[in-house]
Amino acid sequence: MVRHSVKNRWFVSVEMPKHRRGEQTFARQTKTFPTETEAKQFAKEMLSFKNKIVAGTLLSAYRSARRFISGSQLNRWIEEEES
């Protein structure tokens, strides 16, 4: 049996301001990462721009649970040790 490996297991989604004539709208930019450490590094960089950020694990048939990190949990997640 061949096992498929998931290359990008973590995602970070950042709300980016998008300007139109006379109004401001928001769009999201989402990047995927193979490791939690890389996702944390990107999220830390985006925090300096004061954007709204969420992160988590991608849904996979081989993972029993999905993890979602909201804005209120983001700083604690960035600082925690990887298990």
Protein backbone atom coordinates (compact mmCIF):
# COMPACT_ATOMS: atom_id res chain seq x y z
CA MET A 1 0.00 0.00 0.00
CA VAL A 2 1.34 3.40 -0.97
CA ARG A 3 1.01 6.16 1.60
CA HIS A 4 0.58 9.68 0.34
CA SER A 5 2.54 12.21 2.31
CA VAL A 6 1.03 15.62 2.87
CA LYS A 7 3.63 18.21 1.93
CA ASN A 8 1.93 21.28 3.36
CA ARG A 9 0.34 20.50 6.69
CA TRP A 10 0.02 24.01 8.21
CA PHE A 11 -1.61 27.16 6.92
CA VAL A 12 -1.56 30.83 7.91
CA SER A 13 -4.25 33.14 6.57
CA VAL A 14 -3.70 36.90 6.72
CA GLU A 15 -6.25 39.64 6.08
CA MET A 16 -4.71 42.10 3.61
CA PRO A 17 -6.15 45.57 2.96
CA LYS A 18 -7.17 46.15 -0.63
CA HIS A 19 -7.95 49.67 -1.77
CA ARG A 20 -10.59 50.64 -4.31
CA ARG A 21 -11.57 54.11 -5.31
CA GLY A 22 -13.01 55.78 -2.23
CA GLU A 23 -13.35 52.60 -0.18
CA GLN A 24 -11.25 50.00 1.55
CA THR A 25 -12.01 46.29 1.31
CA PHE A 26 -10.19 43.28 2.69
CA ALA A 27 -8.97 40.10 1.08
CA ARG A 28 -7.16 37.13 2.57
CA GLN A 29 -3.79 35.75 1.61
CA THR A 30 -3.23 32.15 2.68
CA LYS A 31 0.12 30.36 2.63
CA THR A 32 0.83 26.73 3.42
CA PHE A 33 3.88 25.33 5.19
CA PRO A 34 5.35 21.85 5.68
CA THR A 35 6.19 22.47 9.35
CA GLU A 36 4.63 24.23 12.30
CA THR A 37 7.88 26.14 12.90
CA GLU A 38 7.76 27.73 9.45
CA ALA A 39 4.10 28.63 9.90
CA LYS A 40 4.88 30.26 13.26
CA GLN A 41 7.73 32.28 11.74
CA PHE A 42 5.49 33.62 8.97
CA ALA A 43 2.70 34.43 11.45
CA LYS A 44 5.20 36.28 13.67
CA GLU A 45 6.35 38.36 10.68
CA MET A 46 2.75 39.20 9.74
CA LEU A 47 1.92 40.26 13.31
CA SER A 48 4.30 43.20 12.90
CA PHE A 49 1.92 44.56 10.21
CA LYS A 50 -1.03 44.32 12.63
CA ASN A 51 -3.09 42.24 10.21
CA LYS A 52 -5.81 39.84 11.33
CA ILE A 53 -4.32 36.35 11.26
CA VAL A 54 -5.60 32.80 11.72
CA ALA A 55 -3.61 29.58 11.44
CA GLY A 56 -4.12 25.85 11.68
CA THR A 57 -3.58 22.42 10.24
CA LEU A 58 -4.95 21.33 6.92
CA LEU A 59 -7.63 18.66 6.88
CA SER A 60 -6.28 15.29 5.84
CA ALA A 61 -7.62 11.78 5.66
CA TYR A 62 -4.59 10.66 7.68
CA ARG A 63 -5.04 13.10 10.58
CA SER A 64 -7.60 12.44 13.25
CA ALA A 65 -8.02 16.07 14.35
CA ARG A 66 -7.68 19.51 12.86
CA ARG A 67 -6.17 22.38 14.83
CA PHE A 68 -7.34 25.96 14.40
CA ILE A 69 -5.57 28.94 16.00
CA SER A 70 -7.66 32.11 16.14
CA GLY A 71 -6.38 35.64 16.60
CA SER A 72 -6.82 35.56 20.38
CA GLN A 73 -4.70 32.37 20.64
CA LEU A 74 -2.03 33.39 18.13
CA ASN A 75 0.56 34.90 20.48
CA ARG A 76 0.40 31.92 22.83
CA TRP A 77 0.74 29.51 19.86
CA ILE A 78 3.79 31.34 18.50
CA GLU A 79 5.53 31.18 21.88
CA GLU A 80 4.77 27.52 22.69
CA GLU A 81 7.30 24.76 22.11
CA GLU A 82 6.67 22.43 19.20
CA SER A 83 5.66 18.95 20.28
